Amino acid sequence: MKYVLIALLALLVSCDSEELVTAVDQEEFKDMAQTWHHMYMEGGANLEEILSGLDENIDMWENGKVWTYGELVKFGEHLPEKAVLETYNDQKLLQRDLGYDFVSQTYISSITGDTMRETSSRLWQVKDGQWKIVHMNNLIKREVP
């Protein structure tokens, strides 16, 4: 009986270990998400790279408006470059194929010159072997001095 329990425990651990998130997995996810965000901050000049990180069925909310992938494609070339002043970010790999990305930053608006705060939360999922944002929520507002 003792050996059966040991064998069962070993089987459970070995099956579970395939889904464990390693430190390397976590670091790779963090680097990927931060690289994508950096391209996003550089604006429409990186449109192809930005769109490659978005799932075509993305659920995106920004300041209460729902955006479709098609609308993002049309607007993308007008995405302004943002002069970032300060950034806080946190990336967490929830499973090997599912991650959460949170970014809050202040930047100077190239359009109005105002200091803006943009807070974004994103769910990333591996689709066809590539990380894609499947849900994104953005809140952008002018910072009051």
C-alpha atoms as a PDB file:
ATOM      1  CA  MET A   1       0.000   0.000   0.000  1.00  0.00           C
ATOM      2  CA  LYS A   2       2.847   2.339   0.885  1.00  0.00           C
ATOM      3  CA  TYR A   3       4.355   1.946  -2.603  1.00  0.00           C
ATOM      4  CA  VAL A   4       1.006   2.559  -4.272  1.00  0.00           C
ATOM      5  CA  LEU A   5       0.669   5.883  -2.440  1.00  0.00           C
ATOM      6  CA  ILE A   6       4.218   6.889  -3.379  1.00  0.00           C
ATOM      7  CA  ALA A   7       3.597   5.950  -7.024  1.00  0.00           C
ATOM      8  CA  LEU A   8       0.291   7.848  -7.041  1.00  0.00           C
ATOM      9  CA  LEU A   9       1.935  10.921  -5.515  1.00  0.00           C
ATOM     10  CA  ALA A  10       4.782  10.757  -8.062  1.00  0.00           C
ATOM     11  CA  LEU A  11       2.235  10.500 -10.886  1.00  0.00           C
ATOM     12  CA  LEU A  12       0.280  13.504  -9.621  1.00  0.00           C
ATOM     13  CA  VAL A  13       3.440  15.597  -9.261  1.00  0.00           C
ATOM     14  CA  SER A  14       4.722  14.642 -12.714  1.00  0.00           C
ATOM     15  CA  CYS A  15       1.385  15.436 -14.375  1.00  0.00           C
ATOM     16  CA  ASP A  16       1.110  18.724 -12.532  1.00  0.00           C
ATOM     17  CA  SER A  17       4.690  19.767 -13.313  1.00  0.00           C
ATOM     18  CA  GLU A  18       3.871  20.126 -17.026  1.00  0.00           C
ATOM     19  CA  GLU A  19       1.620  23.053 -16.146  1.00  0.00           C
ATOM     20  CA  LEU A  20       3.884  24.684 -13.572  1.00  0.00           C
ATOM     21  CA  VAL A  21       5.091  28.142 -14.494  1.00  0.00           C
ATOM     22  CA  THR A  22       8.856  28.382 -14.148  1.00  0.00           C
ATOM     23  CA  ALA A  23      10.894  31.495 -13.380  1.00  0.00           C
ATOM     24  CA  VAL A  24      12.162  31.377 -16.974  1.00  0.00           C
ATOM     25  CA  ASP A  25       8.575  31.254 -18.307  1.00  0.00           C
ATOM     26  CA  GLN A  26       7.680  34.221 -16.101  1.00  0.00           C
ATOM     27  CA  GLU A  27      10.689  36.279 -17.250  1.00  0.00           C
ATOM     28  CA  GLU A  28      10.028  35.524 -20.930  1.00  0.00           C
ATOM     29  CA  PHE A  29       6.391  36.592 -20.538  1.00  0.00           C
ATOM     30  CA  LYS A  30       7.415  39.772 -18.723  1.00  0.00           C
ATOM     31  CA  ASP A  31       9.935  40.680 -21.438  1.00  0.00           C
ATOM     32  CA  MET A  32       7.444  39.986 -24.236  1.00  0.00           C
ATOM     33  CA  ALA A  33       4.660  42.066 -22.631  1.00  0.00           C
ATOM     34  CA  GLN A  34       6.993  44.981 -21.847  1.00  0.00           C
ATOM     35  CA  THR A  35       8.429  44.940 -25.380  1.00  0.00           C
ATOM     36  CA  TRP A  36       4.916  45.067 -26.846  1.00  0.00           C
ATOM     37  CA  HIS A  37       3.972  47.938 -24.525  1.00  0.00           C
ATOM     38  CA  HIS A  38       7.111  49.874 -25.494  1.00  0.00           C
ATOM     39  CA  MET A  39       6.164  49.566 -29.184  1.00  0.00           C
ATOM     40  CA  TYR A  40       2.640  50.720 -28.312  1.00  0.00           C
ATOM     41  CA  MET A  41       4.059  53.847 -26.611  1.00  0.00           C
ATOM     42  CA  GLU A  42       6.040  54.660 -29.758  1.00  0.00           C
ATOM     43  CA  GLY A  43       2.761  54.963 -31.657  1.00  0.00           C
ATOM     44  CA  GLY A  44       1.457  54.178 -35.115  1.00  0.00           C
ATOM     45  CA  ALA A  45       4.947  53.798 -36.603  1.00  0.00           C
ATOM     46  CA  ASN A  46       4.888  50.304 -35.031  1.00  0.00           C
ATOM     47  CA  LEU A  47       1.383  49.454 -36.181  1.00  0.00           C
ATOM     48  CA  GLU A  48       2.271  46.064 -37.674  1.00  0.00           C
ATOM     49  CA  GLU A  49       4.016  44.932 -34.468  1.00  0.00           C
ATOM     50  CA  ILE A  50       1.231  46.333 -32.291  1.00  0.00           C
ATOM     51  CA  LEU A  51      -1.470  44.541 -34.275  1.00  0.00           C
ATOM     52  CA  SER A  52       0.501  41.287 -34.247  1.00  0.00           C
ATOM     53  CA  GLY A  53       0.025  41.239 -30.464  1.00  0.00           C
ATOM     54  CA  LEU A  54      -3.762  41.610 -30.668  1.00  0.00           C
ATOM     55  CA  ASP A  55      -6.215  38.756 -31.131  1.00  0.00           C
ATOM     56  CA  GLU A  56      -8.695  39.429 -33.936  1.00  0.00           C
ATOM     57  CA  ASN A  57     -11.527  38.724 -31.468  1.00  0.00           C
ATOM     58  CA  ILE A  58     -10.137  41.078 -28.815  1.00  0.00           C
ATOM     59  CA  ASP A  59     -12.442  42.648 -26.243  1.00  0.00           C
ATOM     60  CA  MET A  60     -11.042  46.146 -25.774  1.00  0.00           C
ATOM     61  CA  TRP A  61     -12.517  48.860 -23.614  1.00  0.00           C
ATOM     62  CA  GLU A  62     -11.115  52.382 -23.493  1.00  0.00           C
ATOM     63  CA  ASN A  63     -12.755  55.066 -21.381  1.00  0.00           C
ATOM     64  CA  GLY A  64     -16.105  53.291 -21.662  1.00  0.00           C
ATOM     65  CA  LYS A  65     -16.004  52.679 -25.437  1.00  0.00           C
ATOM     66  CA  VAL A  66     -15.722  49.186 -26.889  1.00  0.00           C
ATOM     67  CA  TRP A  67     -13.263  48.845 -29.760  1.00  0.00           C
ATOM     68  CA  THR A  68     -13.226  46.058 -32.328  1.00  0.00           C
ATOM     69  CA  TYR A  69     -10.082  44.752 -33.968  1.00  0.00           C
ATOM     70  CA  GLY A  70     -11.183  46.408 -37.230  1.00  0.00           C
ATOM     71  CA  GLU A  71     -11.500  49.785 -35.509  1.00  0.00           C
ATOM     72  CA  LEU A  72      -8.063  49.330 -33.958  1.00  0.00           C
ATOM     73  CA  VAL A  73      -6.613  48.639 -37.414  1.00  0.00           C
ATOM     74  CA  LYS A  74      -8.181  51.853 -38.778  1.00  0.00           C
ATOM     75  CA  PHE A  75      -7.162  54.005 -35.802  1.00  0.00           C
ATOM     76  CA  GLY A  76      -3.730  52.454 -35.369  1.00  0.00           C
ATOM     77  CA  GLU A  77      -1.909  54.604 -37.894  1.00  0.00           C
ATOM     78  CA  HIS A  78      -3.050  57.678 -35.904  1.00  0.00           C
ATOM     79  CA  LEU A  79      -1.808  56.308 -32.585  1.00  0.00           C
ATOM     80  CA  PRO A  80       0.432  59.078 -31.223  1.00  0.00           C
ATOM     81  CA  GLU A  81       3.889  58.609 -29.782  1.00  0.00           C
ATOM     82  CA  LYS A  82       3.805  59.192 -26.042  1.00  0.00           C
ATOM     83  CA  ALA A  83       6.618  60.892 -24.119  1.00  0.00           C
ATOM     84  CA  VAL A  84       6.520  58.687 -21.024  1.00  0.00           C
ATOM     85  CA  LEU A  85       7.475  60.311 -17.709  1.00  0.00           C
ATOM     86  CA  GLU A  86       6.868  57.468 -15.276  1.00  0.00           C
ATOM     87  CA  THR A  87       5.784  53.840 -15.556  1.00  0.00           C
ATOM     88  CA  TYR A  88       4.647  51.173 -13.134  1.00  0.00           C
ATOM     89  CA  ASN A  89       4.108  47.733 -14.605  1.00  0.00           C
ATOM     90  CA  ASP A  90       3.470  44.221 -13.405  1.00  0.00           C
ATOM     91  CA  GLN A  91       3.265  41.069 -15.474  1.00  0.00           C
ATOM     92  CA  LYS A  92       2.086  37.766 -14.084  1.00  0.00           C
ATOM     93  CA  LEU A  93       2.006  34.465 -15.885  1.00  0.00           C
ATOM     94  CA  LEU A  94      -1.124  32.747 -14.565  1.00  0.00           C
ATOM     95  CA  GLN A  95      -0.614  29.568 -16.570  1.00  0.00           C
ATOM     96  CA  ARG A  96       1.900  28.646 -19.251  1.00  0.00           C
ATOM     97  CA  ASP A  97      -0.523  29.944 -21.899  1.00  0.00           C
ATOM     98  CA  LEU A  98      -2.317  32.728 -19.978  1.00  0.00           C
ATOM     99  CA  GLY A  99      -0.873  35.917 -18.547  1.00  0.00           C
ATOM    100  CA  TYR A 100      -1.919  39.214 -16.989  1.00  0.00           C
ATOM    101  CA  ASP A 101      -0.251  42.534 -17.726  1.00  0.00           C
ATOM    102  CA  PHE A 102      -0.894  45.776 -15.781  1.00  0.00           C
ATOM    103  CA  VAL A 103       0.654  49.138 -16.692  1.00  0.00           C
ATOM    104  CA  SER A 104       0.047  52.574 -15.212  1.00  0.00           C
ATOM    105  CA  GLN A 105       2.017  55.496 -16.538  1.00  0.00           C
ATOM    106  CA  THR A 106       2.101  59.221 -16.984  1.00  0.00           C
ATOM    107  CA  TYR A 107       3.111  60.838 -20.245  1.00  0.00           C
ATOM    108  CA  ILE A 108       2.936  64.161 -22.065  1.00  0.00           C
ATOM    109  CA  SER A 109       0.223  64.230 -24.735  1.00  0.00           C
ATOM    110  CA  SER A 110       1.724  65.143 -28.104  1.00  0.00           C
ATOM    111  CA  ILE A 111      -1.671  66.560 -29.086  1.00  0.00           C
ATOM    112  CA  THR A 112      -2.584  68.768 -26.109  1.00  0.00           C
ATOM    113  CA  GLY A 113       0.656  69.015 -24.134  1.00  0.00           C
ATOM    114  CA  ASP A 114      -1.229  67.858 -21.015  1.00  0.00           C
ATOM    115  CA  THR A 115       0.169  65.335 -18.559  1.00  0.00           C
ATOM    116  CA  MET A 116      -1.923  62.204 -18.952  1.00  0.00           C
ATOM    117  CA  ARG A 117      -2.310  59.033 -16.906  1.00  0.00           C
ATOM    118  CA  GLU A 118      -2.991  55.822 -18.802  1.00  0.00           C
ATOM    119  CA  THR A 119      -3.791  52.647 -16.921  1.00  0.00           C
ATOM    120  CA  SER A 120      -4.068  49.400 -18.858  1.00  0.00           C
ATOM    121  CA  SER A 121      -4.848  45.848 -17.896  1.00  0.00           C
ATOM    122  CA  ARG A 122      -4.474  43.080 -20.442  1.00  0.00           C
ATOM    123  CA  LEU A 123      -5.074  39.362 -20.599  1.00  0.00           C
ATOM    124  CA  TRP A 124      -2.671  37.561 -22.885  1.00  0.00           C
ATOM    125  CA  GLN A 125      -3.263  34.075 -24.243  1.00  0.00           C
ATOM    126  CA  VAL A 126      -1.191  31.833 -26.479  1.00  0.00           C
ATOM    127  CA  LYS A 127      -3.050  31.355 -29.759  1.00  0.00           C
ATOM    128  CA  ASP A 128      -1.520  29.322 -32.581  1.00  0.00           C
ATOM    129  CA  GLY A 129       1.807  29.433 -30.770  1.00  0.00           C
ATOM    130  CA  GLN A 130       1.865  33.247 -30.384  1.00  0.00           C
ATOM    131  CA  TRP A 131       1.017  35.489 -27.438  1.00  0.00           C
ATOM    132  CA  LYS A 132      -2.077  37.596 -28.201  1.00  0.00           C
ATOM    133  CA  ILE A 133      -4.000  40.124 -26.140  1.00  0.00           C
ATOM    134  CA  VAL A 134      -7.548  38.768 -25.844  1.00  0.00           C
ATOM    135  CA  HIS A 135      -8.889  41.389 -23.420  1.00  0.00           C
ATOM    136  CA  MET A 136      -7.676  44.927 -22.780  1.00  0.00           C
ATOM    137  CA  ASN A 137      -9.080  47.671 -20.598  1.00  0.00           C
ATOM    138  CA  ASN A 138      -7.610  51.199 -20.829  1.00  0.00           C
ATOM    139  CA  LEU A 139      -8.408  54.271 -18.807  1.00  0.00           C
ATOM    140  CA  ILE A 140      -6.849  57.512 -20.022  1.00  0.00           C
ATOM    141  CA  LYS A 141      -7.343  60.802 -18.208  1.00  0.00           C
ATOM    142  CA  ARG A 142      -5.653  64.146 -17.743  1.00  0.00           C
ATOM    143  CA  GLU A 143      -3.614  64.410 -14.580  1.00  0.00           C
ATOM    144  CA  VAL A 144      -4.703  67.273 -12.333  1.00  0.00           C
ATOM    145  CA  PRO A 145      -1.677  69.091 -10.869  1.00  0.00           C
END
